[in-house]
Structure formats: structure tokens, C-alpha cells
Amino acid sequence: MKLNEKIFYLRKKEGYSQEALAEKLGVSRQAVSKWENGDADPEISKLKLMADLFGVTTDWLLSDNGIEVKRSTSSSPQPSAASSMPSWVENLPSIMAKMIKRYGWIVGLYVAFSGAAIAGLGFLARFMTKRMFGLFGSPGDDLFGQDPVFIEFATRNPVSVMGSVFILIGSVLFISGILIAVALKRYAQRENHEKQ
């Protein structure tokens, strides 16, 4: 069997459409079609992903042997366990994918911490703007009195508006980071539990 025949055989055996296989490998459907027709060969990184996905060795994919050689389960992770990760993680080099699978939740904490810092800067900008224009404290502390036009300007000036934007962006990042951290931590725990 040639490489193009093996790709077609494995895709059909696993029940993938060309679109589904293309999505798993991070390529276009046309690329998979060209591989199966023998018009083009996949890149080495895509061969590795394909071997992991189908549970075969890259040696078998590249050889002319017609007998399928299954990988031992102890040397590589099961494709079913990896399939619960987002497809973009599976397209990374294997060391990076393993790091994200195991320690990706730390990235979520970093995003949450960054969001909290950005929101904090927004609150500081709004506080300093209001303090500068004397909108906190007693009525006699400000320079311009309680003129409604001035108060409107003080609350709608660019620094105060940017502070509000920072608060919004920071809040979204904080919530997203927490969600990412929780999801990836649960995934890492599930993966460790399955290995035991």
C-alpha cells in the first residue's frame, strides 16, 4: 500500500470525512483530497499528527507494507483522550501540546491575573480623575464648584472613559482566564486519572 492509499484507508476505517480529517490536522479539505489522490504528500508534522490520530506509526505510513502496525498503548497517548482537547492544541508540536495539556491551566491564571491588573488600572484611572476634579470630598474642596457642565466633563473626559474601557476589558479577561484555568485543570486531572 502506498501512502495515499493508507490515508484513504485509515480515514474510511475511522469514519472521518475529508472535512473532519482536515479539521483534526489543521489543513484544508483540498489538501486531504490531494494526499488521497497522490497529487501531494503531507508535511512531516502532519504525518506525525496523522499517525497519532489513527494509532499507527509514521514508519508504517511511509513504508510500502500493507499490514497495519498498531502502536502500543504504553508509548503514546490514546487518540480518544486527546480528542477532547481543542483541535488547535493537537496541531502544535508534541512537546508544546503536552505542556499545554498538563500545565495549560497556569496560562488561564495568568490571563485572569492580567485581567485583574488591567481592571485595577481602569479603577485607578477613574478614581484619580474624579479625585483630581474634586468630585469626591466636600463641596468646597473642588476648584470649580458644583457646575453641572463641569461635572459632566469630569465624568466623560477621555481618561475616565478609557478607565471604563480598561475595567470592561479587564473584567472579560479575568472571567475568561478563570474559565480557561478551571477547564484545563479539570482536563489535566482527567488525563492523569486515565493514565493511572
N, C-alpha and C. Protein backbone atom coordinates (compact mmCIF):
# COMPACT_ATOMS: atom_id res chain seq x y z
N MET A 1 0.84 -1.19 0.00
CA MET A 1 0.00 0.00 0.00
C MET A 1 0.87 1.24 0.00
N LYS A 2 0.50 2.18 -0.81
CA LYS A 2 1.23 3.46 -0.84
C LYS A 2 0.62 4.41 0.19
N LEU A 3 1.34 5.52 0.44
CA LEU A 3 0.91 6.48 1.46
C LEU A 3 -0.51 6.99 1.19
N ASN A 4 -0.80 7.36 -0.06
CA ASN A 4 -2.13 7.90 -0.36
C ASN A 4 -3.22 6.87 -0.10
N GLU A 5 -2.95 5.60 -0.39
CA GLU A 5 -3.93 4.55 -0.14
C GLU A 5 -4.15 4.34 1.35
N LYS A 6 -3.06 4.44 2.11
CA LYS A 6 -3.15 4.27 3.56
C LYS A 6 -3.97 5.40 4.20
N ILE A 7 -3.75 6.63 3.72
CA ILE A 7 -4.51 7.76 4.26
C ILE A 7 -6.00 7.55 3.99
N PHE A 8 -6.32 7.15 2.77
CA PHE A 8 -7.72 6.91 2.41
C PHE A 8 -8.30 5.77 3.26
N TYR A 9 -7.54 4.68 3.38
CA TYR A 9 -7.98 3.50 4.14
C TYR A 9 -8.24 3.86 5.61
N LEU A 10 -7.28 4.56 6.23
CA LEU A 10 -7.42 4.89 7.64
C LEU A 10 -8.56 5.87 7.89
N ARG A 11 -8.70 6.83 6.97
CA ARG A 11 -9.79 7.81 7.11
C ARG A 11 -11.14 7.10 7.06
N LYS A 12 -11.32 6.21 6.09
CA LYS A 12 -12.58 5.48 5.97
C LYS A 12 -12.80 4.55 7.15
N LYS A 13 -11.72 3.88 7.59
CA LYS A 13 -11.82 2.94 8.71
C LYS A 13 -12.27 3.64 9.99
N GLU A 14 -11.76 4.84 10.22
CA GLU A 14 -12.12 5.60 11.42
C GLU A 14 -13.42 6.37 11.25
N GLY A 15 -13.95 6.41 10.05
CA GLY A 15 -15.24 7.06 9.82
C GLY A 15 -15.18 8.57 9.68
N TYR A 16 -14.01 9.09 9.31
CA TYR A 16 -13.86 10.54 9.12
C TYR A 16 -14.21 10.92 7.69
N SER A 17 -14.86 12.07 7.53
CA SER A 17 -14.99 12.66 6.20
C SER A 17 -13.68 13.40 5.92
N GLN A 18 -13.49 13.81 4.68
CA GLN A 18 -12.28 14.59 4.36
C GLN A 18 -12.27 15.89 5.16
N GLU A 19 -13.44 16.50 5.35
CA GLU A 19 -13.52 17.74 6.12
C GLU A 19 -13.13 17.52 7.58
N ALA A 20 -13.62 16.42 8.16
CA ALA A 20 -13.33 16.13 9.57
C ALA A 20 -11.84 15.86 9.76
N LEU A 21 -11.24 15.08 8.87
CA LEU A 21 -9.81 14.80 8.98
C LEU A 21 -9.01 16.08 8.79
N ALA A 22 -9.43 16.90 7.83
CA ALA A 22 -8.73 18.17 7.60
C ALA A 22 -8.77 19.05 8.83
N GLU A 23 -9.91 19.09 9.50
CA GLU A 23 -10.04 19.91 10.72
C GLU A 23 -9.14 19.39 11.82
N LYS A 24 -9.09 18.07 11.98
CA LYS A 24 -8.24 17.47 13.02
C LYS A 24 -6.76 17.77 12.77
N LEU A 25 -6.38 17.82 11.48
CA LEU A 25 -4.96 18.01 11.14
C LEU A 25 -4.61 19.48 10.90
N GLY A 26 -5.62 20.36 10.86
CA GLY A 26 -5.35 21.78 10.66
C GLY A 26 -4.98 22.12 9.23
N VAL A 27 -5.59 21.42 8.28
CA VAL A 27 -5.34 21.68 6.87
C VAL A 27 -6.69 21.84 6.16
N SER A 28 -6.64 22.14 4.88
CA SER A 28 -7.89 22.27 4.11
C SER A 28 -8.35 20.90 3.62
N ARG A 29 -9.63 20.80 3.26
CA ARG A 29 -10.17 19.57 2.71
C ARG A 29 -9.47 19.23 1.40
N GLN A 30 -9.11 20.27 0.64
CA GLN A 30 -8.44 20.06 -0.64
C GLN A 30 -7.08 19.39 -0.43
N ALA A 31 -6.39 19.73 0.66
CA ALA A 31 -5.10 19.11 0.94
C ALA A 31 -5.27 17.62 1.19
N VAL A 32 -6.29 17.26 1.96
CA VAL A 32 -6.55 15.83 2.21
C VAL A 32 -6.89 15.12 0.91
N SER A 33 -7.68 15.76 0.08
CA SER A 33 -8.03 15.17 -1.22
C SER A 33 -6.79 14.94 -2.07
N LYS A 34 -5.88 15.92 -2.10
CA LYS A 34 -4.64 15.76 -2.87
C LYS A 34 -3.78 14.63 -2.32
N TRP A 35 -3.74 14.50 -0.98
CA TRP A 35 -2.97 13.41 -0.38
C TRP A 35 -3.54 12.06 -0.81
N GLU A 36 -4.87 11.94 -0.77
CA GLU A 36 -5.51 10.66 -1.10
C GLU A 36 -5.40 10.32 -2.59
N ASN A 37 -5.35 11.34 -3.44
CA ASN A 37 -5.20 11.11 -4.88
C ASN A 37 -3.75 10.89 -5.27
N GLY A 38 -2.82 11.15 -4.36
CA GLY A 38 -1.41 11.00 -4.67
C GLY A 38 -0.82 12.20 -5.38
N ASP A 39 -1.58 13.32 -5.44
CA ASP A 39 -1.08 14.52 -6.10
C ASP A 39 -0.10 15.30 -5.23
N ALA A 40 -0.14 15.07 -3.92
CA ALA A 40 0.76 15.76 -2.98
C ALA A 40 0.99 14.85 -1.79
N ASP A 41 2.07 15.12 -1.07
CA ASP A 41 2.37 14.37 0.15
C ASP A 41 2.24 15.31 1.35
N PRO A 42 1.77 14.80 2.48
CA PRO A 42 1.65 15.64 3.67
C PRO A 42 3.02 16.01 4.23
N GLU A 43 3.05 17.14 4.94
CA GLU A 43 4.28 17.56 5.62
C GLU A 43 4.58 16.55 6.73
N ILE A 44 5.82 16.56 7.19
CA ILE A 44 6.23 15.62 8.23
C ILE A 44 5.43 15.82 9.51
N SER A 45 5.18 17.09 9.87
CA SER A 45 4.41 17.35 11.09
C SER A 45 2.99 16.80 10.97
N LYS A 46 2.42 16.86 9.78
CA LYS A 46 1.07 16.33 9.57
C LYS A 46 1.08 14.80 9.58
N LEU A 47 2.16 14.20 9.11
CA LEU A 47 2.28 12.74 9.18
C LEU A 47 2.29 12.28 10.64
N LYS A 48 3.01 13.01 11.48
CA LYS A 48 3.06 12.67 12.91
C LYS A 48 1.68 12.79 13.53
N LEU A 49 0.97 13.87 13.22
CA LEU A 49 -0.38 14.04 13.75
C LEU A 49 -1.31 12.93 13.26
N MET A 50 -1.17 12.58 11.99
CA MET A 50 -2.00 11.52 11.42
C MET A 50 -1.71 10.19 12.10
N ALA A 51 -0.43 9.89 12.32
CA ALA A 51 -0.07 8.64 12.98
C ALA A 51 -0.65 8.60 14.39
N ASP A 52 -0.55 9.70 15.12
CA ASP A 52 -1.12 9.75 16.47
C ASP A 52 -2.64 9.60 16.43
N LEU A 53 -3.26 10.26 15.48
CA LEU A 53 -4.72 10.23 15.37
C LEU A 53 -5.23 8.83 15.06
N PHE A 54 -4.55 8.13 14.16
CA PHE A 54 -5.01 6.81 13.74
C PHE A 54 -4.41 5.67 14.57
N GLY A 55 -3.47 5.99 15.46
CA GLY A 55 -2.88 4.97 16.30
C GLY A 55 -1.92 4.05 15.56
N VAL A 56 -1.22 4.59 14.56
CA VAL A 56 -0.23 3.81 13.81
C VAL A 56 1.12 4.52 13.92
N THR A 57 2.15 3.88 13.42
CA THR A 57 3.47 4.51 13.43
C THR A 57 3.70 5.28 12.14
N THR A 58 4.54 6.29 12.22
CA THR A 58 4.90 7.01 11.00
C THR A 58 5.71 6.11 10.06
N ASP A 59 6.46 5.17 10.64
CA ASP A 59 7.21 4.23 9.82
C ASP A 59 6.27 3.42 8.93
N TRP A 60 5.16 2.96 9.52
CA TRP A 60 4.20 2.20 8.74
C TRP A 60 3.56 3.06 7.66
N LEU A 61 3.24 4.31 8.00
CA LEU A 61 2.64 5.19 7.00
C LEU A 61 3.56 5.38 5.80
N LEU A 62 4.86 5.52 6.05
CA LEU A 62 5.82 5.82 4.99
C LEU A 62 6.32 4.57 4.26
N SER A 63 6.10 3.39 4.86
CA SER A 63 6.58 2.17 4.21
C SER A 63 5.55 1.69 3.19
N ASP A 64 5.95 0.71 2.39
CA ASP A 64 5.03 0.12 1.41
C ASP A 64 4.35 -1.12 1.97
N ASN A 65 4.50 -1.37 3.27
CA ASN A 65 3.86 -2.53 3.89
C ASN A 65 2.35 -2.37 3.87
N GLY A 66 1.67 -3.46 3.61
CA GLY A 66 0.22 -3.42 3.59
C GLY A 66 -0.40 -3.78 4.92
N ILE A 67 0.40 -4.31 5.84
CA ILE A 67 -0.13 -4.73 7.14
C ILE A 67 -0.07 -3.54 8.09
N GLU A 68 -1.18 -3.28 8.73
CA GLU A 68 -1.26 -2.15 9.65
C GLU A 68 -0.58 -2.50 10.96
N VAL A 69 0.33 -1.64 11.41
CA VAL A 69 1.04 -1.85 12.67
C VAL A 69 0.47 -0.89 13.70
N LYS A 70 -0.22 -1.43 14.70
CA LYS A 70 -0.79 -0.59 15.76
C LYS A 70 0.29 -0.25 16.76
N ARG A 71 0.25 0.96 17.27
CA ARG A 71 1.18 1.36 18.32
C ARG A 71 0.79 0.73 19.63
N SER A 72 1.77 0.49 20.47
CA SER A 72 1.45 0.00 21.80
C SER A 72 0.88 1.16 22.61
N THR A 73 -0.05 0.83 23.49
CA THR A 73 -0.73 1.89 24.25
C THR A 73 0.17 2.54 25.28
N SER A 74 1.27 1.88 25.66
CA SER A 74 2.14 2.47 26.68
C SER A 74 3.04 3.56 26.12
N SER A 75 3.32 3.55 24.83
CA SER A 75 4.28 4.51 24.29
C SER A 75 3.67 5.83 23.87
N SER A 76 2.35 5.88 23.68
CA SER A 76 1.74 7.13 23.24
C SER A 76 0.36 7.27 23.83
N PRO A 77 -0.12 8.51 23.94
CA PRO A 77 -1.46 8.71 24.47
C PRO A 77 -2.50 8.20 23.50
N GLN A 78 -3.63 7.76 24.04
CA GLN A 78 -4.73 7.28 23.21
C GLN A 78 -5.37 8.44 22.46
N PRO A 79 -5.72 8.26 21.17
CA PRO A 79 -6.37 9.31 20.43
C PRO A 79 -7.68 9.75 21.05
N SER A 80 -8.41 8.83 21.71
CA SER A 80 -9.69 9.21 22.31
C SER A 80 -9.49 10.20 23.44
N ALA A 81 -8.40 10.07 24.21
CA ALA A 81 -8.15 11.02 25.29
C ALA A 81 -7.77 12.39 24.73
N ALA A 82 -7.03 12.39 23.62
CA ALA A 82 -6.59 13.66 23.05
C ALA A 82 -7.71 14.37 22.31
N SER A 83 -8.73 13.64 21.89
CA SER A 83 -9.77 14.25 21.08
C SER A 83 -10.62 15.24 21.85
N SER A 84 -10.57 15.23 23.19
CA SER A 84 -11.36 16.18 23.96
C SER A 84 -10.68 17.54 24.04
N MET A 85 -9.44 17.64 23.61
CA MET A 85 -8.76 18.93 23.58
C MET A 85 -9.14 19.66 22.31
N PRO A 86 -9.06 20.99 22.34
CA PRO A 86 -9.35 21.74 21.12
C PRO A 86 -8.39 21.34 20.00
N SER A 87 -8.87 21.42 18.74
CA SER A 87 -8.06 20.95 17.61
C SER A 87 -6.77 21.75 17.45
N TRP A 88 -6.76 23.03 17.84
CA TRP A 88 -5.53 23.80 17.65
C TRP A 88 -4.43 23.30 18.56
N VAL A 89 -4.77 22.70 19.72
CA VAL A 89 -3.74 22.15 20.60
C VAL A 89 -3.12 20.93 19.95
N GLU A 90 -3.93 20.12 19.28
CA GLU A 90 -3.41 18.91 18.64
C GLU A 90 -2.47 19.23 17.49
N ASN A 91 -2.56 20.44 16.91
CA ASN A 91 -1.71 20.81 15.79
C ASN A 91 -0.36 21.37 16.22
N LEU A 92 -0.15 21.56 17.50
CA LEU A 92 1.12 22.08 17.99
C LEU A 92 2.16 20.96 17.99
N PRO A 93 3.44 21.34 17.98
CA PRO A 93 4.45 20.29 18.15
C PRO A 93 4.17 19.53 19.45
N SER A 94 4.52 18.26 19.47
CA SER A 94 4.10 17.38 20.57
C SER A 94 4.54 17.88 21.94
N ILE A 95 5.73 18.45 22.07
CA ILE A 95 6.18 18.91 23.39
C ILE A 95 5.33 20.08 23.87
N MET A 96 4.98 20.99 22.95
CA MET A 96 4.13 22.11 23.34
C MET A 96 2.73 21.64 23.68
N ALA A 97 2.21 20.69 22.92
CA ALA A 97 0.87 20.16 23.20
C ALA A 97 0.83 19.49 24.57
N LYS A 98 1.88 18.73 24.90
CA LYS A 98 1.94 18.08 26.21
C LYS A 98 2.00 19.11 27.33
N MET A 99 2.78 20.18 27.12
CA MET A 99 2.88 21.22 28.14
C MET A 99 1.52 21.90 28.36
N ILE A 100 0.81 22.21 27.27
CA ILE A 100 -0.49 22.86 27.39
C ILE A 100 -1.49 21.93 28.06
N LYS A 101 -1.46 20.65 27.68
CA LYS A 101 -2.38 19.69 28.28
C LYS A 101 -2.12 19.56 29.77
N ARG A 102 -0.85 19.57 30.18
CA ARG A 102 -0.53 19.36 31.58
C ARG A 102 -0.57 20.65 32.41
N TYR A 103 -0.02 21.75 31.86
CA TYR A 103 0.11 22.97 32.63
C TYR A 103 -0.67 24.15 32.04
N GLY A 104 -1.57 23.88 31.12
CA GLY A 104 -2.31 24.96 30.46
C GLY A 104 -3.13 25.79 31.41
N TRP A 105 -3.55 25.22 32.53
CA TRP A 105 -4.35 25.96 33.48
C TRP A 105 -3.59 27.15 34.06
N ILE A 106 -2.25 27.05 34.07
CA ILE A 106 -1.45 28.18 34.56
C ILE A 106 -1.61 29.37 33.62
N VAL A 107 -1.75 29.10 32.32
CA VAL A 107 -2.00 30.17 31.35
C VAL A 107 -3.31 30.87 31.69
N GLY A 108 -4.32 30.08 32.05
CA GLY A 108 -5.60 30.66 32.45
C GLY A 108 -5.46 31.57 33.66
N LEU A 109 -4.64 31.15 34.63
CA LEU A 109 -4.40 32.01 35.80
C LEU A 109 -3.68 33.29 35.41
N TYR A 110 -2.73 33.16 34.48
CA TYR A 110 -2.01 34.34 34.01
C TYR A 110 -2.97 35.31 33.32
N VAL A 111 -3.87 34.80 32.50
CA VAL A 111 -4.85 35.65 31.83
C VAL A 111 -5.76 36.32 32.86
N ALA A 112 -6.18 35.55 33.88
CA ALA A 112 -7.04 36.12 34.93
C ALA A 112 -6.30 37.21 35.70
N PHE A 113 -5.04 36.95 36.04
CA PHE A 113 -4.25 37.95 36.77
C PHE A 113 -4.06 39.20 35.92
N SER A 114 -3.78 39.02 34.64
CA SER A 114 -3.62 40.17 33.74
C SER A 114 -4.92 40.97 33.65
N GLY A 115 -6.05 40.26 33.56
CA GLY A 115 -7.34 40.94 33.52
C GLY A 115 -7.60 41.74 34.78
N ALA A 116 -7.25 41.16 35.94
CA ALA A 116 -7.44 41.87 37.20
C ALA A 116 -6.55 43.12 37.25
N ALA A 117 -5.32 43.01 36.74
CA ALA A 117 -4.42 44.17 36.73
C ALA A 117 -4.94 45.27 35.81
N ILE A 118 -5.45 44.89 34.65
CA ILE A 118 -5.99 45.88 33.70
C ILE A 118 -7.22 46.55 34.30
N ALA A 119 -8.11 45.75 34.91
CA ALA A 119 -9.29 46.34 35.55
C ALA A 119 -8.88 47.25 36.69
N GLY A 120 -7.85 46.86 37.44
CA GLY A 120 -7.35 47.71 38.52
C GLY A 120 -6.84 49.05 38.01
N LEU A 121 -6.14 49.02 36.87
CA LEU A 121 -5.69 50.28 36.26
C LEU A 121 -6.87 51.14 35.85
N GLY A 122 -7.92 50.51 35.35
CA GLY A 122 -9.12 51.25 34.98
C GLY A 122 -9.77 51.91 36.18
N PHE A 123 -9.90 51.15 37.29
CA PHE A 123 -10.47 51.74 38.51
C PHE A 123 -9.59 52.87 39.03
N LEU A 124 -8.27 52.70 38.95
CA LEU A 124 -7.36 53.75 39.40
C LEU A 124 -7.51 55.00 38.55
N ALA A 125 -7.61 54.84 37.23
CA ALA A 125 -7.77 56.00 36.34
C ALA A 125 -9.07 56.74 36.65
N ARG A 126 -10.14 56.00 36.85
CA ARG A 126 -11.43 56.65 37.17
C ARG A 126 -11.36 57.34 38.52
N PHE A 127 -10.76 56.68 39.51
CA PHE A 127 -10.66 57.27 40.84
C PHE A 127 -9.83 58.55 40.81
N MET A 128 -8.68 58.48 40.13
CA MET A 128 -7.79 59.64 40.09
C MET A 128 -8.44 60.80 39.34
N THR A 129 -9.19 60.50 38.29
CA THR A 129 -9.88 61.56 37.55
C THR A 129 -10.92 62.23 38.43
N LYS A 130 -11.71 61.45 39.13
CA LYS A 130 -12.72 62.03 40.00
C LYS A 130 -12.08 62.79 41.15
N ARG A 131 -11.01 62.25 41.67
CA ARG A 131 -10.31 62.93 42.77
C ARG A 131 -9.69 64.24 42.29
N MET A 132 -9.12 64.20 41.09
CA MET A 132 -8.47 65.39 40.55
C MET A 132 -9.48 66.51 40.34
N PHE A 133 -10.67 66.16 39.90
CA PHE A 133 -11.67 67.18 39.66
C PHE A 133 -12.53 67.45 40.89
N GLY A 134 -12.18 66.86 42.01
CA GLY A 134 -12.86 67.16 43.27
C GLY A 134 -14.27 66.64 43.38
N LEU A 135 -14.57 65.57 42.71
CA LEU A 135 -15.92 65.03 42.79
C LEU A 135 -16.12 64.16 44.01
N PHE A 136 -15.03 63.80 44.69
CA PHE A 136 -15.13 63.16 46.00
C PHE A 136 -14.86 64.23 47.03
N GLY A 137 -15.25 64.04 48.22
CA GLY A 137 -14.95 65.01 49.28
C GLY A 137 -16.06 66.02 49.42
N SER A 138 -15.75 67.09 50.15
CA SER A 138 -16.78 68.09 50.43
C SER A 138 -16.94 69.05 49.26
N PRO A 139 -18.11 69.70 49.14
CA PRO A 139 -18.36 70.60 48.01
C PRO A 139 -17.37 71.75 47.91
N GLY A 140 -16.78 72.20 48.99
CA GLY A 140 -15.85 73.32 48.93
C GLY A 140 -14.45 72.94 48.52
N ASP A 141 -14.15 71.61 48.37
CA ASP A 141 -12.80 71.17 48.04
C ASP A 141 -12.44 71.36 46.58
N ASP A 142 -13.40 71.38 45.69
CA ASP A 142 -13.05 71.47 44.28
C ASP A 142 -12.86 72.92 43.87
N LEU A 143 -12.19 73.14 42.76
CA LEU A 143 -11.87 74.48 42.30
C LEU A 143 -13.02 75.13 41.56
N PHE A 144 -13.89 74.32 40.98
CA PHE A 144 -14.89 74.87 40.08
C PHE A 144 -16.31 74.81 40.61
N GLY A 145 -16.49 74.42 41.87
CA GLY A 145 -17.83 74.36 42.42
C GLY A 145 -18.59 73.16 41.89
N GLN A 146 -19.89 73.19 41.97
CA GLN A 146 -20.72 72.07 41.55
C GLN A 146 -21.42 72.37 40.23
N ASP A 147 -20.71 72.99 39.31
CA ASP A 147 -21.26 73.31 38.00
C ASP A 147 -21.59 72.02 37.26
N PRO A 148 -22.87 71.82 36.84
CA PRO A 148 -23.24 70.57 36.17
C PRO A 148 -22.46 70.30 34.89
N VAL A 149 -22.12 71.35 34.14
CA VAL A 149 -21.34 71.16 32.92
C VAL A 149 -19.95 70.64 33.26
N PHE A 150 -19.36 71.18 34.29
CA PHE A 150 -18.04 70.75 34.70
C PHE A 150 -18.08 69.30 35.21
N ILE A 151 -19.09 68.97 35.98
CA ILE A 151 -19.23 67.61 36.49
C ILE A 151 -19.39 66.63 35.33
N GLU A 152 -20.17 67.01 34.31
CA GLU A 152 -20.34 66.17 33.12
C GLU A 152 -19.01 65.96 32.42
N PHE A 153 -18.22 67.04 32.28
CA PHE A 153 -16.90 66.93 31.65
C PHE A 153 -15.99 66.03 32.47
N ALA A 154 -16.02 66.17 33.78
CA ALA A 154 -15.13 65.40 34.65
C ALA A 154 -15.43 63.91 34.56
N THR A 155 -16.69 63.56 34.40
CA THR A 155 -17.03 62.14 34.33
C THR A 155 -16.94 61.58 32.91
N ARG A 156 -16.92 62.44 31.89
CA ARG A 156 -16.88 61.98 30.49
C ARG A 156 -15.56 62.32 29.81
N ASN A 157 -14.57 62.72 30.54
CA ASN A 157 -13.29 63.07 29.90
C ASN A 157 -12.60 61.79 29.40
N PRO A 158 -11.64 61.92 28.52
CA PRO A 158 -11.00 60.74 27.91
C PRO A 158 -10.36 59.78 28.91
N VAL A 159 -9.78 60.31 29.97
CA VAL A 159 -9.13 59.42 30.95
C VAL A 159 -10.18 58.57 31.66
N SER A 160 -11.29 59.18 32.02
CA SER A 160 -12.35 58.45 32.69
C SER A 160 -12.98 57.42 31.75
N VAL A 161 -13.18 57.78 30.49
CA VAL A 161 -13.74 56.85 29.51
C VAL A 161 -12.79 55.68 29.29
N MET A 162 -11.49 55.97 29.14
CA MET A 162 -10.52 54.89 28.97
C MET A 162 -10.46 54.01 30.21
N GLY A 163 -10.62 54.61 31.38
CA GLY A 163 -10.69 53.81 32.61
C GLY A 163 -11.84 52.82 32.55
N SER A 164 -12.99 53.28 32.05
CA SER A 164 -14.14 52.39 31.93
C SER A 164 -13.87 51.28 30.93
N VAL A 165 -13.21 51.61 29.82
CA VAL A 165 -12.86 50.59 28.83
C VAL A 165 -11.90 49.57 29.43
N PHE A 166 -10.93 50.03 30.20
CA PHE A 166 -9.98 49.13 30.85
C PHE A 166 -10.70 48.21 31.84
N ILE A 167 -11.66 48.77 32.57
CA ILE A 167 -12.42 47.95 33.52
C ILE A 167 -13.18 46.85 32.78
N LEU A 168 -13.80 47.21 31.66
CA LEU A 168 -14.55 46.23 30.88
C LEU A 168 -13.64 45.15 30.32
N ILE A 169 -12.55 45.54 29.67
CA ILE A 169 -11.61 44.57 29.09
C ILE A 169 -11.00 43.70 30.18
N GLY A 170 -10.60 44.32 31.27
CA GLY A 170 -10.01 43.56 32.38
C GLY A 170 -10.98 42.55 32.97
N SER A 171 -12.23 42.95 33.11
CA SER A 171 -13.24 42.03 33.65
C SER A 171 -13.45 40.84 32.74
N VAL A 172 -13.52 41.09 31.42
CA VAL A 172 -13.69 40.00 30.47
C VAL A 172 -12.48 39.05 30.52
N LEU A 173 -11.28 39.61 30.55
CA LEU A 173 -10.08 38.78 30.64
C LEU A 173 -10.04 37.98 31.93
N PHE A 174 -10.43 38.60 33.03
CA PHE A 174 -10.42 37.91 34.32
C PHE A 174 -11.36 36.72 34.30
N ILE A 175 -12.58 36.93 33.84
CA ILE A 175 -13.57 35.84 33.80
C ILE A 175 -13.11 34.75 32.82
N SER A 176 -12.61 35.16 31.64
CA SER A 176 -12.13 34.18 30.66
C SER A 176 -10.97 33.37 31.22
N GLY A 177 -10.05 34.03 31.89
CA GLY A 177 -8.90 33.34 32.46
C GLY A 177 -9.30 32.31 33.50
N ILE A 178 -10.25 32.67 34.34
CA ILE A 178 -10.73 31.73 35.36
C ILE A 178 -11.37 30.51 34.68
N LEU A 179 -12.20 30.77 33.66
CA LEU A 179 -12.85 29.66 32.95
C LEU A 179 -11.82 28.76 32.26
N ILE A 180 -10.82 29.36 31.63
CA ILE A 180 -9.75 28.58 30.97
C ILE A 180 -9.00 27.75 32.00
N ALA A 181 -8.64 28.37 33.12
CA ALA A 181 -7.88 27.66 34.15
C ALA A 181 -8.67 26.47 34.69
N VAL A 182 -9.94 26.67 34.97
CA VAL A 182 -10.75 25.58 35.51
C VAL A 182 -10.90 24.46 34.49
N ALA A 183 -11.19 24.82 33.24
CA ALA A 183 -11.40 23.78 32.20
C ALA A 183 -10.12 22.98 31.96
N LEU A 184 -8.99 23.65 31.84
CA LEU A 184 -7.74 22.93 31.56
C LEU A 184 -7.24 22.16 32.77
N LYS A 185 -7.51 22.65 33.97
CA LYS A 185 -7.11 21.92 35.17
C LYS A 185 -7.92 20.63 35.27
N ARG A 186 -9.23 20.71 34.98
CA ARG A 186 -10.06 19.51 35.01
C ARG A 186 -9.60 18.52 33.94
N TYR A 187 -9.24 19.04 32.77
CA TYR A 187 -8.76 18.16 31.71
C TYR A 187 -7.48 17.45 32.15
N ALA A 188 -6.55 18.20 32.75
CA ALA A 188 -5.27 17.61 33.19
C ALA A 188 -5.52 16.54 34.26
N GLN A 189 -6.44 16.80 35.19
CA GLN A 189 -6.74 15.81 36.22
C GLN A 189 -7.37 14.56 35.61
N ARG A 190 -8.28 14.75 34.65
CA ARG A 190 -8.92 13.62 33.99
C ARG A 190 -7.89 12.79 33.23
N GLU A 191 -6.98 13.47 32.54
CA GLU A 191 -5.94 12.77 31.79
C GLU A 191 -5.02 11.98 32.72
N ASN A 192 -4.63 12.59 33.85
CA ASN A 192 -3.78 11.88 34.81
C ASN A 192 -4.52 10.69 35.40
N HIS A 193 -5.81 10.85 35.65
CA HIS A 193 -6.60 9.76 36.20
C HIS A 193 -6.70 8.60 35.20
N GLU A 194 -6.85 8.92 33.90
CA GLU A 194 -6.95 7.88 32.88
C GLU A 194 -5.63 7.15 32.70
N LYS A 195 -4.50 7.81 32.93
CA LYS A 195 -3.20 7.17 32.78
C LYS A 195 -2.93 6.18 33.91
N GLN A 196 -3.57 6.39 35.07
CA GLN A 196 -3.32 5.53 36.23
C GLN A 196 -4.11 4.29 36.20
